[in-house]
Amino acid sequence: RSGQRVRIGIAPGNTKTNLTLPSTLVSGLASLR
């Protein structure tokens, strides 16, 4: 977000993983990559 790259976790191969975004990245509407 805005050039700031934040690691949110690891997604192991051949699995579905739920990763929670830090609230500092999503305070209101946020454009993310």
PDB file of all heavy atoms in Angstrom:
ATOM      1  N   ARG A   1       0.862  -1.185   0.000  1.00  0.00           N
ATOM      2  CA  ARG A   1       0.000   0.000   0.000  1.00  0.00           C
ATOM      3  C   ARG A   1       0.895   1.229   0.000  1.00  0.00           C
ATOM      4  O   ARG A   1       1.732   1.383   0.888  1.00  0.00           O
ATOM      5  CB  ARG A   1      -0.890   0.015   1.233  1.00  0.00           C
ATOM      6  CG  ARG A   1      -1.779   1.240   1.297  1.00  0.00           C
ATOM      7  CD  ARG A   1      -2.651   1.232   2.517  1.00  0.00           C
ATOM      8  NE  ARG A   1      -3.503   2.416   2.500  1.00  0.00           N
ATOM      9  CZ  ARG A   1      -4.306   2.750   3.471  1.00  0.00           C
ATOM     10  NH1 ARG A   1      -4.403   1.989   4.537  1.00  0.00           N
ATOM     11  NH2 ARG A   1      -5.031   3.833   3.384  1.00  0.00           N
ATOM     12  N   SER A   2       0.717   2.064  -0.992  1.00  0.00           N
ATOM     13  CA  SER A   2       1.492   3.311  -1.117  1.00  0.00           C
ATOM     14  C   SER A   2       2.991   3.052  -1.046  1.00  0.00           C
ATOM     15  O   SER A   2       3.724   3.769  -0.378  1.00  0.00           O
ATOM     16  CB  SER A   2       1.088   4.305  -0.030  1.00  0.00           C
ATOM     17  OG  SER A   2      -0.287   4.567  -0.096  1.00  0.00           O
ATOM     18  N   GLY A   3       3.443   1.999  -1.696  1.00  0.00           N
ATOM     19  CA  GLY A   3       4.867   1.685  -1.714  1.00  0.00           C
ATOM     20  C   GLY A   3       5.365   0.941  -0.494  1.00  0.00           C
ATOM     21  O   GLY A   3       6.509   0.492  -0.459  1.00  0.00           O
ATOM     22  N   GLN A   4       4.543   0.805   0.533  1.00  0.00           N
ATOM     23  CA  GLN A   4       4.936   0.100   1.752  1.00  0.00           C
ATOM     24  C   GLN A   4       4.611  -1.383   1.588  1.00  0.00           C
ATOM     25  O   GLN A   4       3.467  -1.757   1.370  1.00  0.00           O
ATOM     26  CB  GLN A   4       4.198   0.659   2.965  1.00  0.00           C
ATOM     27  CG  GLN A   4       4.520  -0.050   4.248  1.00  0.00           C
ATOM     28  CD  GLN A   4       3.644   0.418   5.397  1.00  0.00           C
ATOM     29  OE1 GLN A   4       2.658   1.114   5.200  1.00  0.00           O
ATOM     30  NE2 GLN A   4       3.998   0.008   6.598  1.00  0.00           N
ATOM     31  N   ARG A   5       5.615  -2.224   1.695  1.00  0.00           N
ATOM     32  CA  ARG A   5       5.450  -3.669   1.531  1.00  0.00           C
ATOM     33  C   ARG A   5       5.475  -4.321   2.913  1.00  0.00           C
ATOM     34  O   ARG A   5       6.455  -4.201   3.649  1.00  0.00           O
ATOM     35  CB  ARG A   5       6.583  -4.200   0.654  1.00  0.00           C
ATOM     36  CG  ARG A   5       6.557  -5.671   0.407  1.00  0.00           C
ATOM     37  CD  ARG A   5       7.624  -6.017  -0.611  1.00  0.00           C
ATOM     38  NE  ARG A   5       8.063  -7.383  -0.428  1.00  0.00           N
ATOM     39  CZ  ARG A   5       8.601  -8.125  -1.372  1.00  0.00           C
ATOM     40  NH1 ARG A   5       8.801  -7.611  -2.569  1.00  0.00           N
ATOM     41  NH2 ARG A   5       8.975  -9.350  -1.141  1.00  0.00           N
ATOM     42  N   VAL A   6       4.363  -5.015   3.254  1.00  0.00           N
ATOM     43  CA  VAL A   6       4.228  -5.638   4.570  1.00  0.00           C
ATOM     44  C   VAL A   6       4.018  -7.140   4.386  1.00  0.00           C
ATOM     45  O   VAL A   6       3.087  -7.560   3.698  1.00  0.00           O
ATOM     46  CB  VAL A   6       3.030  -5.026   5.345  1.00  0.00           C
ATOM     47  CG1 VAL A   6       2.843  -5.723   6.677  1.00  0.00           C
ATOM     48  CG2 VAL A   6       3.211  -3.542   5.521  1.00  0.00           C
ATOM     49  N   ARG A   7       4.882  -7.926   5.007  1.00  0.00           N
ATOM     50  CA  ARG A   7       4.739  -9.382   4.924  1.00  0.00           C
ATOM     51  C   ARG A   7       3.548  -9.804   5.774  1.00  0.00           C
ATOM     52  O   ARG A   7       3.457  -9.453   6.948  1.00  0.00           O
ATOM     53  CB  ARG A   7       6.004 -10.073   5.426  1.00  0.00           C
ATOM     54  CG  ARG A   7       5.967 -11.577   5.273  1.00  0.00           C
ATOM     55  CD  ARG A   7       7.325 -12.156   5.703  1.00  0.00           C
ATOM     56  NE  ARG A   7       7.317 -13.594   5.619  1.00  0.00           N
ATOM     57  CZ  ARG A   7       6.873 -14.404   6.573  1.00  0.00           C
ATOM     58  NH1 ARG A   7       6.399 -13.910   7.693  1.00  0.00           N
ATOM     59  NH2 ARG A   7       6.913 -15.709   6.409  1.00  0.00           N
ATOM     60  N   ILE A   8       2.627 -10.577   5.159  1.00  0.00           N
ATOM     61  CA  ILE A   8       1.457 -11.013   5.922  1.00  0.00           C
ATOM     62  C   ILE A   8       1.478 -12.504   6.239  1.00  0.00           C
ATOM     63  O   ILE A   8       0.674 -12.955   7.032  1.00  0.00           O
ATOM     64  CB  ILE A   8       0.140 -10.620   5.215  1.00  0.00           C
ATOM     65  CG1 ILE A   8       0.067 -11.177   3.807  1.00  0.00           C
ATOM     66  CG2 ILE A   8      -0.032  -9.119   5.213  1.00  0.00           C
ATOM     67  CD1 ILE A   8      -1.275 -10.943   3.131  1.00  0.00           C
ATOM     68  N   GLY A   9       2.409 -13.245   5.641  1.00  0.00           N
ATOM     69  CA  GLY A   9       2.534 -14.647   6.013  1.00  0.00           C
ATOM     70  C   GLY A   9       3.040 -15.531   4.899  1.00  0.00           C
ATOM     71  O   GLY A   9       3.446 -15.058   3.839  1.00  0.00           O
ATOM     72  N   ILE A  10       2.980 -16.833   5.158  1.00  0.00           N
ATOM     73  CA  ILE A  10       3.423 -17.847   4.202  1.00  0.00           C
ATOM     74  C   ILE A  10       2.214 -18.646   3.740  1.00  0.00           C
ATOM     75  O   ILE A  10       1.369 -19.034   4.549  1.00  0.00           O
ATOM     76  CB  ILE A  10       4.459 -18.803   4.833  1.00  0.00           C
ATOM     77  CG1 ILE A  10       5.739 -18.044   5.186  1.00  0.00           C
ATOM     78  CG2 ILE A  10       4.768 -19.981   3.919  1.00  0.00           C
ATOM     79  CD1 ILE A  10       6.771 -18.897   5.893  1.00  0.00           C
ATOM     80  N   ALA A  11       2.155 -18.908   2.444  1.00  0.00           N
ATOM     81  CA  ALA A  11       1.124 -19.769   1.863  1.00  0.00           C
ATOM     82  C   ALA A  11       1.816 -21.046   1.384  1.00  0.00           C
ATOM     83  O   ALA A  11       2.478 -21.035   0.347  1.00  0.00           O
ATOM     84  CB  ALA A  11       0.423 -19.068   0.705  1.00  0.00           C
ATOM     85  N   PRO A  12       1.705 -22.130   2.154  1.00  0.00           N
ATOM     86  CA  PRO A  12       2.342 -23.377   1.740  1.00  0.00           C
ATOM     87  C   PRO A  12       1.766 -23.885   0.420  1.00  0.00           C
ATOM     88  O   PRO A  12       0.618 -23.610   0.082  1.00  0.00           O
ATOM     89  CB  PRO A  12       2.005 -24.350   2.881  1.00  0.00           C
ATOM     90  CG  PRO A  12       1.631 -23.484   4.036  1.00  0.00           C
ATOM     91  CD  PRO A  12       1.032 -22.250   3.441  1.00  0.00           C
ATOM     92  N   GLY A  13       2.576 -24.636  -0.314  1.00  0.00           N
ATOM     93  CA  GLY A  13       2.141 -25.192  -1.588  1.00  0.00           C
ATOM     94  C   GLY A  13       0.994 -26.172  -1.420  1.00  0.00           C
ATOM     95  O   GLY A  13       0.881 -26.860  -0.399  1.00  0.00           O
ATOM     96  N   ASN A  14       0.104 -26.196  -2.415  1.00  0.00           N
ATOM     97  CA  ASN A  14      -1.029 -27.121  -2.472  1.00  0.00           C
ATOM     98  C   ASN A  14      -1.980 -27.003  -1.276  1.00  0.00           C
ATOM     99  O   ASN A  14      -2.543 -28.002  -0.839  1.00  0.00           O
ATOM    100  CB  ASN A  14      -0.552 -28.569  -2.608  1.00  0.00           C
ATOM    101  CG  ASN A  14       0.239 -28.787  -3.868  1.00  0.00           C
ATOM    102  OD1 ASN A  14      -0.144 -28.318  -4.936  1.00  0.00           O
ATOM    103  ND2 ASN A  14       1.356 -29.486  -3.754  1.00  0.00           N
ATOM    104  N   THR A  15      -2.156 -25.806  -0.753  1.00  0.00           N
ATOM    105  CA  THR A  15      -3.075 -25.601   0.376  1.00  0.00           C
ATOM    106  C   THR A  15      -3.818 -24.278   0.236  1.00  0.00           C
ATOM    107  O   THR A  15      -3.426 -23.408  -0.530  1.00  0.00           O
ATOM    108  CB  THR A  15      -2.339 -25.566   1.730  1.00  0.00           C
ATOM    109  OG1 THR A  15      -1.423 -24.483   1.728  1.00  0.00           O
ATOM    110  CG2 THR A  15      -1.628 -26.860   2.040  1.00  0.00           C
ATOM    111  N   LYS A  16      -4.892 -24.155   1.018  1.00  0.00           N
ATOM    112  CA  LYS A  16      -5.588 -22.876   1.171  1.00  0.00           C
ATOM    113  C   LYS A  16      -5.212 -22.333   2.535  1.00  0.00           C
ATOM    114  O   LYS A  16      -5.264 -23.047   3.529  1.00  0.00           O
ATOM    115  CB  LYS A  16      -7.103 -23.056   1.084  1.00  0.00           C
ATOM    116  CG  LYS A  16      -7.590 -23.344  -0.305  1.00  0.00           C
ATOM    117  CD  LYS A  16      -9.101 -23.381  -0.353  1.00  0.00           C
ATOM    118  CE  LYS A  16      -9.560 -23.697  -1.767  1.00  0.00           C
ATOM    119  NZ  LYS A  16     -11.023 -23.762  -1.850  1.00  0.00           N
ATOM    120  N   THR A  17      -4.831 -21.065   2.569  1.00  0.00           N
ATOM    121  CA  THR A  17      -4.370 -20.442   3.796  1.00  0.00           C
ATOM    122  C   THR A  17      -5.102 -19.120   4.004  1.00  0.00           C
ATOM    123  O   THR A  17      -5.240 -18.353   3.060  1.00  0.00           O
ATOM    124  CB  THR A  17      -2.854 -20.161   3.713  1.00  0.00           C
ATOM    125  OG1 THR A  17      -2.177 -21.357   3.349  1.00  0.00           O
ATOM    126  CG2 THR A  17      -2.311 -19.652   5.030  1.00  0.00           C
ATOM    127  N   ASN A  18      -5.559 -18.859   5.213  1.00  0.00           N
ATOM    128  CA  ASN A  18      -6.168 -17.579   5.554  1.00  0.00           C
ATOM    129  C   ASN A  18      -5.137 -16.728   6.288  1.00  0.00           C
ATOM    130  O   ASN A  18      -4.627 -17.129   7.331  1.00  0.00           O
ATOM    131  CB  ASN A  18      -7.410 -17.762   6.434  1.00  0.00           C
ATOM    132  CG  ASN A  18      -8.559 -18.366   5.676  1.00  0.00           C
ATOM    133  OD1 ASN A  18      -8.704 -18.166   4.468  1.00  0.00           O
ATOM    134  ND2 ASN A  18      -9.384 -19.126   6.358  1.00  0.00           N
ATOM    135  N   LEU A  19      -4.845 -15.548   5.727  1.00  0.00           N
ATOM    136  CA  LEU A  19      -3.893 -14.624   6.319  1.00  0.00           C
ATOM    137  C   LEU A  19      -4.637 -13.341   6.684  1.00  0.00           C
ATOM    138  O   LEU A  19      -5.370 -12.795   5.859  1.00  0.00           O
ATOM    139  CB  LEU A  19      -2.769 -14.315   5.325  1.00  0.00           C
ATOM    140  CG  LEU A  19      -1.998 -15.526   4.783  1.00  0.00           C
ATOM    141  CD1 LEU A  19      -1.047 -15.097   3.677  1.00  0.00           C
ATOM    142  CD2 LEU A  19      -1.241 -16.204   5.900  1.00  0.00           C
ATOM    143  N   THR A  20      -4.451 -12.860   7.900  1.00  0.00           N
ATOM    144  CA  THR A  20      -5.132 -11.657   8.362  1.00  0.00           C
ATOM    145  C   THR A  20      -4.270 -10.438   8.076  1.00  0.00           C
ATOM    146  O   THR A  20      -3.080 -10.417   8.402  1.00  0.00           O
ATOM    147  CB  THR A  20      -5.414 -11.749   9.871  1.00  0.00           C
ATOM    148  OG1 THR A  20      -6.186 -12.928  10.114  1.00  0.00           O
ATOM    149  CG2 THR A  20      -6.185 -10.543  10.360  1.00  0.00           C
ATOM    150  N   LEU A  21      -4.891  -9.416   7.462  1.00  0.00           N
ATOM    151  CA  LEU A  21      -4.175  -8.170   7.186  1.00  0.00           C
ATOM    152  C   LEU A  21      -4.101  -7.322   8.445  1.00  0.00           C
ATOM    153  O   LEU A  21      -5.073  -7.246   9.202  1.00  0.00           O
ATOM    154  CB  LEU A  21      -4.896  -7.372   6.099  1.00  0.00           C
ATOM    155  CG  LEU A  21      -4.854  -7.943   4.699  1.00  0.00           C
ATOM    156  CD1 LEU A  21      -5.711  -7.110   3.763  1.00  0.00           C
ATOM    157  CD2 LEU A  21      -3.432  -7.990   4.192  1.00  0.00           C
ATOM    158  N   PRO A  22      -2.976  -6.658   8.676  1.00  0.00           N
ATOM    159  CA  PRO A  22      -2.885  -5.746   9.826  1.00  0.00           C
ATOM    160  C   PRO A  22      -3.886  -4.610   9.673  1.00  0.00           C
ATOM    161  O   PRO A  22      -4.098  -4.097   8.570  1.00  0.00           O
ATOM    162  CB  PRO A  22      -1.451  -5.221   9.749  1.00  0.00           C
ATOM    163  CG  PRO A  22      -0.719  -6.116   8.829  1.00  0.00           C
ATOM    164  CD  PRO A  22      -1.724  -6.733   7.930  1.00  0.00           C
ATOM    165  N   SER A  23      -4.490  -4.201  10.766  1.00  0.00           N
ATOM    166  CA  SER A  23      -5.490  -3.135  10.715  1.00  0.00           C
ATOM    167  C   SER A  23      -4.889  -1.813  10.258  1.00  0.00           C
ATOM    168  O   SER A  23      -5.601  -0.948   9.752  1.00  0.00           O
ATOM    169  CB  SER A  23      -6.155  -2.970  12.083  1.00  0.00           C
ATOM    170  OG  SER A  23      -5.184  -2.653  13.057  1.00  0.00           O
ATOM    171  N   THR A  24      -3.582  -1.643  10.386  1.00  0.00           N
ATOM    172  CA  THR A  24      -2.934  -0.408   9.930  1.00  0.00           C
ATOM    173  C   THR A  24      -2.964  -0.282   8.409  1.00  0.00           C
ATOM    174  O   THR A  24      -2.905   0.822   7.883  1.00  0.00           O
ATOM    175  CB  THR A  24      -1.481  -0.343  10.414  1.00  0.00           C
ATOM    176  OG1 THR A  24      -0.791  -1.521   9.985  1.00  0.00           O
ATOM    177  CG2 THR A  24      -1.408  -0.221  11.920  1.00  0.00           C
ATOM    178  N   LEU A  25      -3.059  -1.413   7.701  1.00  0.00           N
ATOM    179  CA  LEU A  25      -3.138  -1.380   6.238  1.00  0.00           C
ATOM    180  C   LEU A  25      -4.547  -1.107   5.737  1.00  0.00           C
ATOM    181  O   LEU A  25      -4.735  -0.581   4.649  1.00  0.00           O
ATOM    182  CB  LEU A  25      -2.665  -2.712   5.641  1.00  0.00           C
ATOM    183  CG  LEU A  25      -1.171  -2.950   5.579  1.00  0.00           C
ATOM    184  CD1 LEU A  25      -0.887  -4.327   5.004  1.00  0.00           C
ATOM    185  CD2 LEU A  25      -0.484  -1.887   4.754  1.00  0.00           C
ATOM    186  N   VAL A  26      -5.545  -1.505   6.527  1.00  0.00           N
ATOM    187  CA  VAL A  26      -6.932  -1.398   6.086  1.00  0.00           C
ATOM    188  C   VAL A  26      -7.734  -0.607   7.111  1.00  0.00           C
ATOM    189  O   VAL A  26      -8.539  -1.145   7.836  1.00  0.00           O
ATOM    190  CB  VAL A  26      -7.555  -2.795   5.890  1.00  0.00           C
ATOM    191  CG1 VAL A  26      -8.904  -2.679   5.206  1.00  0.00           C
ATOM    192  CG2 VAL A  26      -6.645  -3.697   5.084  1.00  0.00           C
ATOM    193  N   SER A  27      -7.496   0.684   7.163  1.00  0.00           N
ATOM    194  CA  SER A  27      -8.302   1.551   8.022  1.00  0.00           C
ATOM    195  C   SER A  27      -9.174   2.385   7.090  1.00  0.00           C
ATOM    196  O   SER A  27      -8.744   3.401   6.578  1.00  0.00           O
ATOM    197  CB  SER A  27      -7.414   2.430   8.893  1.00  0.00           C
ATOM    198  OG  SER A  27      -6.514   3.152   8.090  1.00  0.00           O
ATOM    199  N   GLY A  28     -10.379   1.899   6.838  1.00  0.00           N
ATOM    200  CA  GLY A  28     -11.229   2.497   5.807  1.00  0.00           C
ATOM    201  C   GLY A  28     -10.921   1.830   4.476  1.00  0.00           C
ATOM    202  O   GLY A  28     -10.306   0.772   4.424  1.00  0.00           O
ATOM    203  N   LEU A  29     -11.347   2.433   3.387  1.00  0.00           N
ATOM    204  CA  LEU A  29     -11.061   1.870   2.070  1.00  0.00           C
ATOM    205  C   LEU A  29      -9.578   2.010   1.766  1.00  0.00           C
ATOM    206  O   LEU A  29      -8.982   3.057   1.989  1.00  0.00           O
ATOM    207  CB  LEU A  29     -11.877   2.569   0.993  1.00  0.00           C
ATOM    208  CG  LEU A  29     -13.374   2.304   1.000  1.00  0.00           C
ATOM    209  CD1 LEU A  29     -14.062   3.107  -0.096  1.00  0.00           C
ATOM    210  CD2 LEU A  29     -13.663   0.830   0.817  1.00  0.00           C
ATOM    211  N   ALA A  30      -8.978   0.935   1.248  1.00  0.00           N
ATOM    212  CA  ALA A  30      -7.554   0.949   0.932  1.00  0.00           C
ATOM    213  C   ALA A  30      -7.331   0.270  -0.409  1.00  0.00           C
ATOM    214  O   ALA A  30      -7.936  -0.763  -0.698  1.00  0.00           O
ATOM    215  CB  ALA A  30      -6.772   0.209   2.014  1.00  0.00           C
ATOM    216  N   SER A  31      -6.470   0.857  -1.235  1.00  0.00           N
ATOM    217  CA  SER A  31      -6.063   0.228  -2.492  1.00  0.00           C
ATOM    218  C   SER A  31      -4.805  -0.581  -2.210  1.00  0.00           C
ATOM    219  O   SER A  31      -3.789  -0.029  -1.788  1.00  0.00           O
ATOM    220  CB  SER A  31      -5.782   1.281  -3.560  1.00  0.00           C
ATOM    221  OG  SER A  31      -6.967   1.940  -3.917  1.00  0.00           O
ATOM    222  N   LEU A  32      -4.902  -1.878  -2.431  1.00  0.00           N
ATOM    223  CA  LEU A  32      -3.789  -2.779  -2.122  1.00  0.00           C
ATOM    224  C   LEU A  32      -3.401  -3.608  -3.336  1.00  0.00           C
ATOM    225  O   LEU A  32      -4.221  -3.899  -4.198  1.00  0.00           O
ATOM    226  CB  LEU A  32      -4.163  -3.735  -0.993  1.00  0.00           C
ATOM    227  CG  LEU A  32      -4.508  -3.151   0.365  1.00  0.00           C
ATOM    228  CD1 LEU A  32      -4.958  -4.256   1.306  1.00  0.00           C
ATOM    229  CD2 LEU A  32      -3.310  -2.432   0.946  1.00  0.00           C
ATOM    230  N   ARG A  33      -2.145  -4.007  -3.358  1.00  0.00           N
ATOM    231  CA  ARG A  33      -1.638  -5.023  -4.280  1.00  0.00           C
ATOM    232  C   ARG A  33      -1.080  -6.136  -3.403  1.00  0.00           C
ATOM    233  O   ARG A  33      -0.674  -5.908  -2.274  1.00  0.00           O
ATOM    234  CB  ARG A  33      -0.510  -4.485  -5.159  1.00  0.00           C
ATOM    235  CG  ARG A  33      -0.934  -3.503  -6.189  1.00  0.00           C
ATOM    236  CD  ARG A  33       0.259  -3.108  -7.066  1.00  0.00           C
ATOM    237  NE  ARG A  33      -0.103  -2.047  -7.964  1.00  0.00           N
ATOM    238  CZ  ARG A  33      -0.612  -2.234  -9.174  1.00  0.00           C
ATOM    239  NH1 ARG A  33      -0.800  -3.446  -9.624  1.00  0.00           N
ATOM    240  NH2 ARG A  33      -0.923  -1.209  -9.933  1.00  0.00           N
TER     241      ARG A  33
END
